[in-house]
Amino acid sequence: MRSLPRRLTAEGIGSLLLAATVIGSGVMAERLAGGNTAVALLANTVATVAVLAVLIALLAPLSGAHFNPAVSVVQAVRKVLPWHEAGAYAMVQIVGCCLGAVLAHVMFELPWLQSSLHARSGPAQWLSEFIATFGLLLVVLGCRRGEDAPWMVAAWIGAAYWFTASTSFANPAITIARSLSDTFAGIRPHDVPPFVIAQFTGALAAYFTAQRLFSLPHAKQNADLARRYKEGAIDAEVHN
């Protein structure tokens, strides 16, 4: 059985490394791109896609590799993950992502604690976050085979970096962490709440859509999924 501390450790490590990659690659990309924002965004995208695929493949057998409170909340709504465990997942994900921001700053010799000045606000940005998170959860809930999850999730995020105006945060924990970094990947702290609301709204919309599209299991079946998930028999994040 995968104990809760072990699963939380996996979520914390994954969240830390994901945030460090998103922010650190943004710093490196901006330094090397010579003012070319498109090149910087491309480099940031490639690094994020690569680490996301690796972390999901590595840690999914342990915790489901959520790294995202929106994913954990939807799994609690499905009754695959108990609500108290979803809350613990979310807390660890947020702390892990924030520590990842600090780690990126340390690696690039930047002030450890920062507050971003990067403005990201307005209806277009909020709609973008709704769509980015909606698509992410649709991929998570609709994926039929666990081995496909790493590339499918990473591919969605990579594409959404470019077709959404917000560059696809799609993750409340990452959003909070990025508000602590006045770098290429940053977001002003007071722009965070609308992003988080849009993300959770998109995640719940994906859940209801997936119920109709993919015939997700009902409560009794989900209880069995939850039992098997804790025993390591399946990856609950991608099983439907």
Protein backbone atom coordinates (compact mmCIF):
# COMPACT_ATOMS: atom_id res chain seq x y z
CA MET A 1 0.00 0.00 0.00
CA ARG A 2 1.20 3.51 -0.84
CA SER A 3 1.12 5.33 2.53
CA LEU A 4 -0.13 8.91 2.62
CA PRO A 5 3.27 10.30 3.76
CA ARG A 6 4.96 8.53 0.87
CA ARG A 7 2.43 9.89 -1.62
CA LEU A 8 2.72 13.40 -0.18
CA THR A 9 6.51 13.22 -0.44
CA ALA A 10 6.20 12.32 -4.12
CA GLU A 11 3.78 15.20 -4.69
CA GLY A 12 6.05 17.63 -2.87
CA ILE A 13 9.17 16.62 -4.78
CA GLY A 14 7.35 16.67 -8.10
CA SER A 15 5.81 20.08 -7.42
CA LEU A 16 9.15 21.53 -6.32
CA LEU A 17 10.99 20.30 -9.42
CA LEU A 18 8.17 21.37 -11.75
CA ALA A 19 8.09 24.92 -10.39
CA ALA A 20 11.89 25.17 -10.35
CA THR A 21 11.90 24.17 -14.02
CA VAL A 22 9.14 26.57 -15.07
CA ILE A 23 10.77 29.53 -13.32
CA GLY A 24 14.42 28.57 -13.79
CA SER A 25 14.07 27.87 -17.50
CA GLY A 26 12.29 31.20 -17.86
CA VAL A 27 15.25 32.98 -16.27
CA MET A 28 17.76 31.12 -18.45
CA ALA A 29 15.68 31.66 -21.58
CA GLU A 30 15.34 35.39 -20.99
CA ARG A 31 19.07 35.75 -20.38
CA LEU A 32 20.04 33.91 -23.55
CA ALA A 33 17.29 35.07 -25.94
CA GLY A 34 18.70 38.58 -26.36
CA GLY A 35 15.31 40.24 -26.01
CA ASN A 36 13.53 37.85 -28.37
CA THR A 37 10.41 36.94 -26.39
CA ALA A 38 9.32 34.24 -28.83
CA VAL A 39 12.62 32.39 -28.46
CA ALA A 40 12.46 32.75 -24.68
CA LEU A 41 8.92 31.35 -24.58
CA LEU A 42 9.92 28.45 -26.84
CA ALA A 43 12.81 27.53 -24.55
CA ASN A 44 10.57 27.84 -21.49
CA THR A 45 7.98 25.60 -23.18
CA VAL A 46 10.44 22.86 -24.15
CA ALA A 47 11.90 22.65 -20.64
CA THR A 48 8.44 22.54 -19.03
CA VAL A 49 7.14 19.87 -21.40
CA ALA A 50 10.21 17.70 -20.87
CA VAL A 51 10.22 17.82 -17.08
CA LEU A 52 6.46 17.34 -16.86
CA ALA A 53 6.61 14.16 -18.94
CA VAL A 54 9.52 12.81 -16.88
CA LEU A 55 7.97 13.62 -13.50
CA ILE A 56 4.61 12.07 -14.40
CA ALA A 57 6.27 8.89 -15.68
CA LEU A 58 8.48 8.71 -12.58
CA LEU A 59 6.03 9.58 -9.80
CA ALA A 60 2.59 8.55 -11.08
CA PRO A 61 2.96 5.02 -9.65
CA LEU A 62 3.52 6.56 -6.21
CA SER A 63 1.03 9.42 -5.91
CA GLY A 64 -0.81 9.77 -9.21
CA ALA A 65 1.52 12.68 -10.09
CA HIS A 66 -1.07 15.41 -9.71
CA PHE A 67 1.28 18.33 -8.83
CA ASN A 68 -1.88 20.44 -9.17
CA PRO A 69 -4.66 21.21 -6.65
CA ALA A 70 -7.22 21.36 -9.47
CA VAL A 71 -6.44 17.74 -10.37
CA SER A 72 -6.60 16.64 -6.73
CA VAL A 73 -9.92 18.42 -6.14
CA VAL A 74 -11.49 16.78 -9.20
CA GLN A 75 -10.27 13.38 -7.99
CA ALA A 76 -11.95 14.12 -4.65
CA VAL A 77 -15.16 15.09 -6.43
CA ARG A 78 -14.95 11.71 -8.24
CA LYS A 79 -14.46 10.03 -4.84
CA VAL A 80 -11.21 8.51 -6.05
CA LEU A 81 -9.30 10.54 -3.45
CA PRO A 82 -10.75 11.27 0.03
CA TRP A 83 -11.31 14.99 0.65
CA HIS A 84 -8.90 15.14 3.57
CA GLU A 85 -6.19 13.59 1.40
CA ALA A 86 -6.99 15.98 -1.45
CA GLY A 87 -6.52 18.86 0.99
CA ALA A 88 -3.18 17.44 2.09
CA TYR A 89 -2.16 16.98 -1.55
CA ALA A 90 -3.06 20.60 -2.32
CA MET A 91 -1.15 21.97 0.66
CA VAL A 92 1.98 19.99 -0.22
CA GLN A 93 1.70 21.01 -3.88
CA ILE A 94 1.52 24.70 -2.99
CA VAL A 95 4.42 24.50 -0.54
CA GLY A 96 6.45 22.44 -3.00
CA CYS A 97 5.88 24.89 -5.85
CA CYS A 98 6.78 27.87 -3.65
CA LEU A 99 9.99 26.16 -2.56
CA GLY A 100 10.66 25.44 -6.23
CA ALA A 101 10.49 29.16 -6.93
CA VAL A 102 13.01 29.82 -4.17
CA LEU A 103 15.25 27.03 -5.51
CA ALA A 104 15.23 28.60 -8.98
CA HIS A 105 16.21 31.95 -7.51
CA VAL A 106 19.06 30.40 -5.55
CA MET A 107 20.40 28.59 -8.63
CA PHE A 108 20.43 31.82 -10.66
CA GLU A 109 21.80 33.99 -7.83
CA LEU A 110 18.62 36.05 -7.56
CA PRO A 111 17.01 37.38 -4.37
CA TRP A 112 15.36 34.39 -2.71
CA LEU A 113 12.11 36.16 -1.86
CA GLN A 114 10.45 38.28 -4.52
CA SER A 115 7.07 39.70 -5.48
CA SER A 116 6.30 39.67 -9.18
CA LEU A 117 5.45 42.85 -11.12
CA HIS A 118 4.42 40.95 -14.27
CA ALA A 119 0.85 42.01 -15.09
CA ARG A 120 -1.46 39.22 -16.23
CA SER A 121 -5.05 40.36 -15.98
CA GLY A 122 -8.29 40.81 -17.93
CA PRO A 123 -11.04 38.64 -19.43
CA ALA A 124 -8.80 37.22 -22.17
CA GLN A 125 -6.29 35.99 -19.59
CA TRP A 126 -9.01 34.48 -17.39
CA LEU A 127 -10.68 32.76 -20.34
CA SER A 128 -7.28 31.40 -21.34
CA GLU A 129 -6.78 29.88 -17.89
CA PHE A 130 -10.27 28.37 -18.00
CA ILE A 131 -9.51 26.73 -21.37
CA ALA A 132 -5.99 25.62 -20.39
CA THR A 133 -7.22 23.92 -17.21
CA PHE A 134 -10.35 22.54 -18.88
CA GLY A 135 -8.21 20.86 -21.54
CA LEU A 136 -5.70 19.56 -19.00
CA LEU A 137 -8.39 17.87 -16.89
CA LEU A 138 -10.12 16.54 -19.97
CA VAL A 139 -6.83 14.86 -20.92
CA VAL A 140 -6.35 13.51 -17.38
CA LEU A 141 -9.88 12.12 -17.14
CA GLY A 142 -10.07 10.86 -20.70
CA CYS A 143 -6.68 9.17 -20.95
CA ARG A 144 -7.30 5.43 -21.36
CA ARG A 145 -3.84 4.05 -20.65
CA GLY A 146 -1.54 5.10 -17.84
CA GLU A 147 1.53 4.88 -20.05
CA ASP A 148 0.06 7.56 -22.34
CA ALA A 149 -0.43 10.11 -19.57
CA PRO A 150 3.11 11.59 -19.52
CA TRP A 151 3.19 12.56 -23.19
CA MET A 152 -0.49 13.52 -23.42
CA VAL A 153 -0.42 15.85 -20.43
CA ALA A 154 2.94 17.33 -21.42
CA ALA A 155 1.81 17.80 -25.03
CA TRP A 156 -1.35 19.61 -23.94
CA ILE A 157 0.58 22.00 -21.69
CA GLY A 158 3.17 22.63 -24.40
CA ALA A 159 0.49 23.47 -26.95
CA ALA A 160 -1.44 25.62 -24.49
CA TYR A 161 1.70 27.66 -23.78
CA TRP A 162 1.29 28.96 -27.32
CA PHE A 163 -2.42 29.06 -28.10
CA THR A 164 -3.60 30.69 -24.85
CA ALA A 165 -3.04 34.35 -24.04
CA SER A 166 -1.97 33.48 -20.49
CA THR A 167 0.69 30.93 -21.61
CA SER A 168 -1.19 28.21 -19.72
CA PHE A 169 -0.51 28.22 -16.00
CA ALA A 170 -3.41 25.71 -15.57
CA ASN A 171 -2.37 25.05 -11.96
CA PRO A 172 -3.26 27.03 -8.79
CA ALA A 173 -0.08 25.92 -6.98
CA ILE A 174 2.17 27.01 -9.85
CA THR A 175 0.24 30.27 -10.10
CA ILE A 176 0.87 31.09 -6.45
CA ALA A 177 4.55 30.15 -6.77
CA ARG A 178 5.01 32.29 -9.87
CA SER A 179 3.68 35.32 -7.97
CA LEU A 180 6.79 34.96 -5.79
CA SER A 181 9.14 35.38 -8.75
CA ASP A 182 9.70 38.70 -10.51
CA THR A 183 11.07 36.93 -13.57
CA PHE A 184 9.94 35.88 -17.05
CA ALA A 185 7.40 33.41 -15.61
CA GLY A 186 6.00 35.73 -12.93
CA ILE A 187 2.51 37.03 -12.21
CA ARG A 188 1.53 39.91 -9.92
CA PRO A 189 0.13 38.65 -6.58
CA HIS A 190 -3.16 40.52 -7.01
CA ASP A 191 -3.65 38.87 -10.42
CA VAL A 192 -3.54 35.41 -8.80
CA PRO A 193 -7.10 35.07 -7.38
CA PRO A 194 -8.92 35.48 -10.75
CA PHE A 195 -6.48 32.99 -12.31
CA VAL A 196 -7.15 30.44 -9.57
CA ILE A 197 -10.92 30.90 -9.85
CA ALA A 198 -10.73 30.41 -13.63
CA GLN A 199 -8.58 27.31 -13.17
CA PHE A 200 -10.92 25.60 -10.70
CA THR A 201 -13.92 26.56 -12.82
CA GLY A 202 -12.28 25.05 -15.90
CA ALA A 203 -11.38 21.90 -13.96
CA LEU A 204 -14.96 21.36 -12.76
CA ALA A 205 -16.33 22.07 -16.24
CA ALA A 206 -13.96 19.38 -17.58
CA TYR A 207 -15.21 16.93 -14.95
CA PHE A 208 -18.85 17.34 -15.98
CA THR A 209 -17.91 17.20 -19.65
CA ALA A 210 -15.83 14.06 -19.14
CA GLN A 211 -18.73 12.38 -17.36
CA ARG A 212 -20.74 12.62 -20.56
CA LEU A 213 -17.92 12.00 -23.01
CA PHE A 214 -16.11 9.16 -21.30
CA SER A 215 -18.78 7.62 -19.02
CA LEU A 216 -16.73 8.07 -15.85
CA PRO A 217 -17.38 5.51 -13.09
CA HIS A 218 -20.04 6.24 -10.47
CA ALA A 219 -19.49 6.52 -6.74
CA LYS A 220 -19.45 2.77 -5.97
CA GLN A 221 -16.97 2.08 -8.73
CA ASN A 222 -14.85 5.02 -7.62
CA ALA A 223 -14.62 3.58 -4.12
CA ASP A 224 -13.04 0.47 -5.65
CA LEU A 225 -10.74 2.66 -7.75
CA ALA A 226 -9.63 4.49 -4.62
CA ARG A 227 -8.84 1.20 -2.84
CA ARG A 228 -6.88 -0.15 -5.79
CA TYR A 229 -5.13 3.22 -6.23
CA LYS A 230 -3.78 3.17 -2.69
CA GLU A 231 -2.60 -0.39 -3.20
CA GLY A 232 -0.61 0.75 -6.22
CA ALA A 233 -2.68 -1.37 -8.62
CA ILE A 234 -3.58 1.55 -10.84
CA ASP A 235 -2.73 5.16 -11.49
CA ALA A 236 -5.92 6.89 -10.38
CA GLU A 237 -5.10 10.10 -12.17
CA VAL A 238 -5.48 8.52 -15.59
CA HIS A 239 -7.86 5.63 -14.91
CA ASN A 240 -11.45 6.20 -15.93
